[in-house]
C-alpha atoms as a PDB file:
ATOM      1  CA  UNK A   1       0.000   0.000   0.000  1.00  0.00           C
ATOM      2  CA  UNK A   2       2.804   2.444   0.793  1.00  0.00           C
ATOM      3  CA  UNK A   3       4.443   1.750  -2.625  1.00  0.00           C
ATOM      4  CA  UNK A   4       1.197   2.626  -4.424  1.00  0.00           C
ATOM      5  CA  UNK A   5       0.738   5.667  -2.246  1.00  0.00           C
ATOM      6  CA  UNK A   6       4.284   6.975  -2.872  1.00  0.00           C
ATOM      7  CA  UNK A   7       3.951   6.233  -6.621  1.00  0.00           C
ATOM      8  CA  UNK A   8       0.667   8.176  -6.790  1.00  0.00           C
ATOM      9  CA  UNK A   9       2.264  11.017  -4.792  1.00  0.00           C
ATOM     10  CA  UNK A  10       5.154  11.149  -7.302  1.00  0.00           C
ATOM     11  CA  UNK A  11       2.704  11.254 -10.255  1.00  0.00           C
ATOM     12  CA  UNK A  12       0.734  14.066  -8.601  1.00  0.00           C
ATOM     13  CA  UNK A  13       3.955  15.998  -7.929  1.00  0.00           C
ATOM     14  CA  UNK A  14       5.010  15.616 -11.596  1.00  0.00           C
ATOM     15  CA  UNK A  15       1.557  16.745 -12.746  1.00  0.00           C
ATOM     16  CA  UNK A  16       1.701  19.847 -10.552  1.00  0.00           C
ATOM     17  CA  UNK A  17       5.234  20.590 -11.763  1.00  0.00           C
ATOM     18  CA  UNK A  18       4.172  20.274 -15.420  1.00  0.00           C
ATOM     19  CA  UNK A  19       1.090  22.437 -14.855  1.00  0.00           C
ATOM     20  CA  UNK A  20       3.249  25.097 -13.169  1.00  0.00           C
ATOM     21  CA  UNK A  21       5.697  24.950 -16.071  1.00  0.00           C
ATOM     22  CA  UNK A  22       2.822  25.465 -18.505  1.00  0.00           C
ATOM     23  CA  UNK A  23       1.573  28.504 -16.581  1.00  0.00           C
ATOM     24  CA  UNK A  24       5.126  29.911 -16.499  1.00  0.00           C
ATOM     25  CA  UNK A  25       5.510  29.449 -20.266  1.00  0.00           C
ATOM     26  CA  UNK A  26       2.176  31.195 -20.875  1.00  0.00           C
ATOM     27  CA  UNK A  27       3.220  34.115 -18.659  1.00  0.00           C
ATOM     28  CA  UNK A  28       6.543  34.414 -20.505  1.00  0.00           C
ATOM     29  CA  UNK A  29       4.728  34.436 -23.844  1.00  0.00           C
ATOM     30  CA  UNK A  30       2.663  37.455 -22.751  1.00  0.00           C
ATOM     31  CA  UNK A  31       5.706  39.189 -21.258  1.00  0.00           C
ATOM     32  CA  UNK A  32       8.016  38.578 -24.240  1.00  0.00           C
ATOM     33  CA  UNK A  33       7.310  41.799 -26.166  1.00  0.00           C
ATOM     34  CA  UNK A  34       7.759  44.184 -23.207  1.00  0.00           C
ATOM     35  CA  UNK A  35      10.859  42.262 -22.093  1.00  0.00           C
ATOM     36  CA  UNK A  36      12.302  42.414 -25.632  1.00  0.00           C
ATOM     37  CA  UNK A  37      11.644  46.170 -25.857  1.00  0.00           C
ATOM     38  CA  UNK A  38      13.247  46.750 -22.443  1.00  0.00           C
ATOM     39  CA  UNK A  39      16.294  44.686 -23.399  1.00  0.00           C
ATOM     40  CA  UNK A  40      16.716  46.578 -26.695  1.00  0.00           C
ATOM     41  CA  UNK A  41      16.463  49.950 -24.952  1.00  0.00           C
ATOM     42  CA  UNK A  42      18.936  48.821 -22.292  1.00  0.00           C
ATOM     43  CA  UNK A  43      21.638  47.749 -24.778  1.00  0.00           C
ATOM     44  CA  UNK A  44      20.855  50.484 -27.343  1.00  0.00           C
ATOM     45  CA  UNK A  45      19.389  48.355 -30.141  1.00  0.00           C
ATOM     46  CA  UNK A  46      16.914  50.392 -32.202  1.00  0.00           C
ATOM     47  CA  UNK A  47      13.441  48.925 -32.393  1.00  0.00           C
ATOM     48  CA  UNK A  48      11.908  48.591 -35.847  1.00  0.00           C
ATOM     49  CA  UNK A  49       8.984  50.858 -36.512  1.00  0.00           C
ATOM     50  CA  UNK A  50       6.009  49.598 -38.413  1.00  0.00           C
ATOM     51  CA  UNK A  51       5.811  51.461 -41.677  1.00  0.00           C
ATOM     52  CA  UNK A  52       2.137  52.326 -41.272  1.00  0.00           C
ATOM     53  CA  UNK A  53       2.783  55.366 -39.078  1.00  0.00           C
ATOM     54  CA  UNK A  54       0.801  58.001 -40.967  1.00  0.00           C
ATOM     55  CA  UNK A  55       2.408  60.821 -38.966  1.00  0.00           C
ATOM     56  CA  UNK A  56       5.642  60.000 -40.769  1.00  0.00           C
ATOM     57  CA  UNK A  57       3.839  60.549 -44.073  1.00  0.00           C
ATOM     58  CA  UNK A  58       3.413  64.242 -43.301  1.00  0.00           C
ATOM     59  CA  UNK A  59       6.722  66.021 -43.819  1.00  0.00           C
ATOM     60  CA  UNK A  60       7.737  68.445 -41.098  1.00  0.00           C
ATOM     61  CA  UNK A  61      10.985  69.663 -42.630  1.00  0.00           C
ATOM     62  CA  UNK A  62      11.990  73.254 -42.612  1.00  0.00           C
ATOM     63  CA  UNK A  63      12.449  74.975 -45.960  1.00  0.00           C
ATOM     64  CA  UNK A  64      16.167  75.386 -45.277  1.00  0.00           C
ATOM     65  CA  UNK A  65      18.505  73.158 -47.257  1.00  0.00           C
ATOM     66  CA  UNK A  66      21.784  72.674 -45.445  1.00  0.00           C
ATOM     67  CA  UNK A  67      25.316  72.541 -46.823  1.00  0.00           C
ATOM     68  CA  UNK A  68      25.794  69.363 -44.794  1.00  0.00           C
ATOM     69  CA  UNK A  69      25.691  65.991 -46.576  1.00  0.00           C
ATOM     70  CA  UNK A  70      25.083  62.509 -45.231  1.00  0.00           C
ATOM     71  CA  UNK A  71      25.546  59.122 -46.874  1.00  0.00           C
ATOM     72  CA  UNK A  72      22.321  57.093 -47.034  1.00  0.00           C
ATOM     73  CA  UNK A  73      22.499  53.312 -47.540  1.00  0.00           C
ATOM     74  CA  UNK A  74      19.583  51.066 -48.487  1.00  0.00           C
ATOM     75  CA  UNK A  75      19.076  47.403 -47.571  1.00  0.00           C
ATOM     76  CA  UNK A  76      16.213  45.074 -48.546  1.00  0.00           C
ATOM     77  CA  UNK A  77      15.307  41.816 -46.811  1.00  0.00           C
ATOM     78  CA  UNK A  78      12.375  39.432 -46.865  1.00  0.00           C
ATOM     79  CA  UNK A  79      11.076  37.331 -44.000  1.00  0.00           C
ATOM     80  CA  UNK A  80      11.934  33.639 -44.093  1.00  0.00           C
ATOM     81  CA  UNK A  81       9.870  31.669 -46.592  1.00  0.00           C
ATOM     82  CA  UNK A  82       8.536  34.679 -48.523  1.00  0.00           C
ATOM     83  CA  UNK A  83       9.131  34.016 -52.259  1.00  0.00           C
ATOM     84  CA  UNK A  84       9.833  37.656 -53.130  1.00  0.00           C
ATOM     85  CA  UNK A  85      13.122  39.428 -53.742  1.00  0.00           C
ATOM     86  CA  UNK A  86      13.509  42.981 -52.428  1.00  0.00           C
ATOM     87  CA  UNK A  87      16.472  45.120 -53.443  1.00  0.00           C
ATOM     88  CA  UNK A  88      17.151  48.841 -53.638  1.00  0.00           C
ATOM     89  CA  UNK A  89      17.624  50.334 -57.114  1.00  0.00           C
ATOM     90  CA  UNK A  90      20.594  52.267 -55.718  1.00  0.00           C
ATOM     91  CA  UNK A  91      22.508  50.991 -52.698  1.00  0.00           C
ATOM     92  CA  UNK A  92      23.977  54.353 -51.588  1.00  0.00           C
ATOM     93  CA  UNK A  93      23.151  58.024 -52.174  1.00  0.00           C
ATOM     94  CA  UNK A  94      24.629  61.208 -50.807  1.00  0.00           C
ATOM     95  CA  UNK A  95      21.849  63.412 -49.484  1.00  0.00           C
ATOM     96  CA  UNK A  96      21.873  67.050 -48.481  1.00  0.00           C
ATOM     97  CA  UNK A  97      20.037  67.750 -45.225  1.00  0.00           C
ATOM     98  CA  UNK A  98      16.665  69.380 -45.865  1.00  0.00           C
ATOM     99  CA  UNK A  99      16.511  68.336 -49.524  1.00  0.00           C
ATOM    100  CA  UNK A 100      14.021  65.736 -50.825  1.00  0.00           C
ATOM    101  CA  UNK A 101      15.470  62.467 -52.123  1.00  0.00           C
ATOM    102  CA  UNK A 102      13.609  60.175 -54.512  1.00  0.00           C
ATOM    103  CA  UNK A 103      14.691  56.565 -54.982  1.00  0.00           C
ATOM    104  CA  UNK A 104      13.005  53.164 -55.241  1.00  0.00           C
ATOM    105  CA  UNK A 105      13.190  49.507 -54.357  1.00  0.00           C
ATOM    106  CA  UNK A 106      12.726  46.672 -56.830  1.00  0.00           C
ATOM    107  CA  UNK A 107      10.650  43.609 -55.861  1.00  0.00           C
ATOM    108  CA  UNK A 108       9.930  40.423 -57.762  1.00  0.00           C
ATOM    109  CA  UNK A 109       7.404  37.761 -56.855  1.00  0.00           C
ATOM    110  CA  UNK A 110       9.016  34.407 -57.648  1.00  0.00           C
ATOM    111  CA  UNK A 111       5.861  32.362 -56.994  1.00  0.00           C
ATOM    112  CA  UNK A 112       2.995  31.341 -59.296  1.00  0.00           C
ATOM    113  CA  UNK A 113       0.382  33.213 -57.264  1.00  0.00           C
ATOM    114  CA  UNK A 114      -0.093  36.874 -56.324  1.00  0.00           C
ATOM    115  CA  UNK A 115       1.046  37.741 -52.811  1.00  0.00           C
ATOM    116  CA  UNK A 116       0.297  40.586 -50.433  1.00  0.00           C
ATOM    117  CA  UNK A 117       3.086  41.998 -48.342  1.00  0.00           C
ATOM    118  CA  UNK A 118       3.882  44.719 -45.827  1.00  0.00           C
ATOM    119  CA  UNK A 119       7.326  46.240 -45.398  1.00  0.00           C
ATOM    120  CA  UNK A 120       8.657  47.280 -42.014  1.00  0.00           C
ATOM    121  CA  UNK A 121      11.542  49.703 -41.824  1.00  0.00           C
ATOM    122  CA  UNK A 122      14.331  50.550 -39.449  1.00  0.00           C
ATOM    123  CA  UNK A 123      16.381  53.704 -39.915  1.00  0.00           C
ATOM    124  CA  UNK A 124      19.660  53.792 -37.989  1.00  0.00           C
ATOM    125  CA  UNK A 125      22.706  56.056 -37.961  1.00  0.00           C
ATOM    126  CA  UNK A 126      26.440  55.532 -37.914  1.00  0.00           C
ATOM    127  CA  UNK A 127      29.037  57.942 -36.642  1.00  0.00           C
ATOM    128  CA  UNK A 128      29.362  59.259 -33.124  1.00  0.00           C
ATOM    129  CA  UNK A 129      25.796  58.026 -32.630  1.00  0.00           C
ATOM    130  CA  UNK A 130      26.444  54.455 -33.790  1.00  0.00           C
ATOM    131  CA  UNK A 131      23.290  52.304 -34.041  1.00  0.00           C
ATOM    132  CA  UNK A 132      21.147  55.251 -33.018  1.00  0.00           C
ATOM    133  CA  UNK A 133      17.546  55.191 -34.224  1.00  0.00           C
ATOM    134  CA  UNK A 134      17.187  58.321 -36.358  1.00  0.00           C
ATOM    135  CA  UNK A 135      13.691  57.668 -37.738  1.00  0.00           C
ATOM    136  CA  UNK A 136      12.629  60.859 -35.947  1.00  0.00           C
ATOM    137  CA  UNK A 137      15.161  62.836 -38.006  1.00  0.00           C
ATOM    138  CA  UNK A 138      13.862  61.555 -41.347  1.00  0.00           C
ATOM    139  CA  UNK A 139      10.584  62.587 -42.946  1.00  0.00           C
ATOM    140  CA  UNK A 140       9.174  59.826 -45.138  1.00  0.00           C
ATOM    141  CA  UNK A 141       7.185  61.575 -47.840  1.00  0.00           C
ATOM    142  CA  UNK A 142       6.267  58.527 -49.925  1.00  0.00           C
ATOM    143  CA  UNK A 143       7.042  54.973 -48.891  1.00  0.00           C
ATOM    144  CA  UNK A 144       5.875  51.519 -49.901  1.00  0.00           C
ATOM    145  CA  UNK A 145       5.945  50.749 -46.176  1.00  0.00           C
ATOM    146  CA  UNK A 146       2.862  52.921 -45.548  1.00  0.00           C
ATOM    147  CA  UNK A 147       0.451  50.289 -46.816  1.00  0.00           C
ATOM    148  CA  UNK A 148       0.115  46.662 -47.819  1.00  0.00           C
ATOM    149  CA  UNK A 149       1.330  45.990 -51.381  1.00  0.00           C
ATOM    150  CA  UNK A 150       0.183  43.374 -53.891  1.00  0.00           C
ATOM    151  CA  UNK A 151       2.911  41.501 -55.755  1.00  0.00           C
ATOM    152  CA  UNK A 152       1.559  39.869 -58.963  1.00  0.00           C
ATOM    153  CA  UNK A 153       2.720  36.304 -59.749  1.00  0.00           C
ATOM    154  CA  UNK A 154       6.091  36.120 -61.536  1.00  0.00           C
ATOM    155  CA  UNK A 155       6.212  39.905 -61.976  1.00  0.00           C
ATOM    156  CA  UNK A 156       8.535  42.717 -61.001  1.00  0.00           C
ATOM    157  CA  UNK A 157       7.328  45.919 -59.359  1.00  0.00           C
ATOM    158  CA  UNK A 158       8.963  49.243 -58.540  1.00  0.00           C
ATOM    159  CA  UNK A 159       8.359  50.568 -55.034  1.00  0.00           C
ATOM    160  CA  UNK A 160       9.008  54.322 -54.732  1.00  0.00           C
ATOM    161  CA  UNK A 161      10.618  55.910 -51.696  1.00  0.00           C
ATOM    162  CA  UNK A 162      10.827  59.660 -51.125  1.00  0.00           C
ATOM    163  CA  UNK A 163      12.266  61.194 -47.969  1.00  0.00           C
ATOM    164  CA  UNK A 164      14.066  64.157 -46.470  1.00  0.00           C
ATOM    165  CA  UNK A 165      16.799  63.985 -43.845  1.00  0.00           C
ATOM    166  CA  UNK A 166      15.993  66.848 -41.492  1.00  0.00           C
ATOM    167  CA  UNK A 167      18.449  69.505 -40.376  1.00  0.00           C
ATOM    168  CA  UNK A 168      18.131  68.336 -36.759  1.00  0.00           C
ATOM    169  CA  UNK A 169      20.168  65.185 -37.531  1.00  0.00           C
ATOM    170  CA  UNK A 170      22.801  64.865 -34.748  1.00  0.00           C
ATOM    171  CA  UNK A 171      26.163  66.381 -35.734  1.00  0.00           C
ATOM    172  CA  UNK A 172      28.234  63.193 -35.400  1.00  0.00           C
ATOM    173  CA  UNK A 173      26.116  61.174 -37.849  1.00  0.00           C
ATOM    174  CA  UNK A 174      27.768  60.578 -41.233  1.00  0.00           C
ATOM    175  CA  UNK A 175      25.779  57.568 -42.530  1.00  0.00           C
ATOM    176  CA  UNK A 176      22.127  56.548 -42.298  1.00  0.00           C
ATOM    177  CA  UNK A 177      20.874  53.068 -43.201  1.00  0.00           C
ATOM    178  CA  UNK A 178      17.316  52.379 -44.346  1.00  0.00           C
ATOM    179  CA  UNK A 179      16.642  48.659 -43.771  1.00  0.00           C
ATOM    180  CA  UNK A 180      13.358  47.243 -45.046  1.00  0.00           C
ATOM    181  CA  UNK A 181      12.033  43.772 -44.281  1.00  0.00           C
ATOM    182  CA  UNK A 182       9.080  42.490 -46.277  1.00  0.00           C
ATOM    183  CA  UNK A 183       6.541  40.215 -44.581  1.00  0.00           C
ATOM    184  CA  UNK A 184       3.801  38.274 -46.332  1.00  0.00           C
ATOM    185  CA  UNK A 185       0.277  39.213 -45.252  1.00  0.00           C
ATOM    186  CA  UNK A 186      -2.432  36.575 -44.993  1.00  0.00           C
END
């Protein structure tokens, strides 16, 4: 009788342990996003901003065009498993602060069916402010990241991008990188 009782006690203890582990995993799942954001802020990693921020679509630049130039690099990525290529038409431009820049990305749907996608961007700086998020110093005038795009089957599309680097860009910044990641929408 004592063997059965101790065996049942052990099974109950394992069940309680597994249930507690499940509750802990569920709590961590809900806490993951705030923990990730806190970690990124702590170590200085810029958080990506979703390209649907309509405030960014309204330029707030001053009319003054500066004599200062900054190098702007462009990077295109796609999420894992998305059968689309995304590349900038030009990889680097030299931009004058306060002056509008017009460029574009090139995307090609490699699949046999049309796909919908949404691009998310991160804009970071290099210089004395290495890895600093400078999205607040750039006015996106026109961007394919503002809305979901349709990519026709086996076709190429041009995705325009127009922006201005504002005069309030920190002095030590010499290079800005626009990094876009394309996600497939259901």
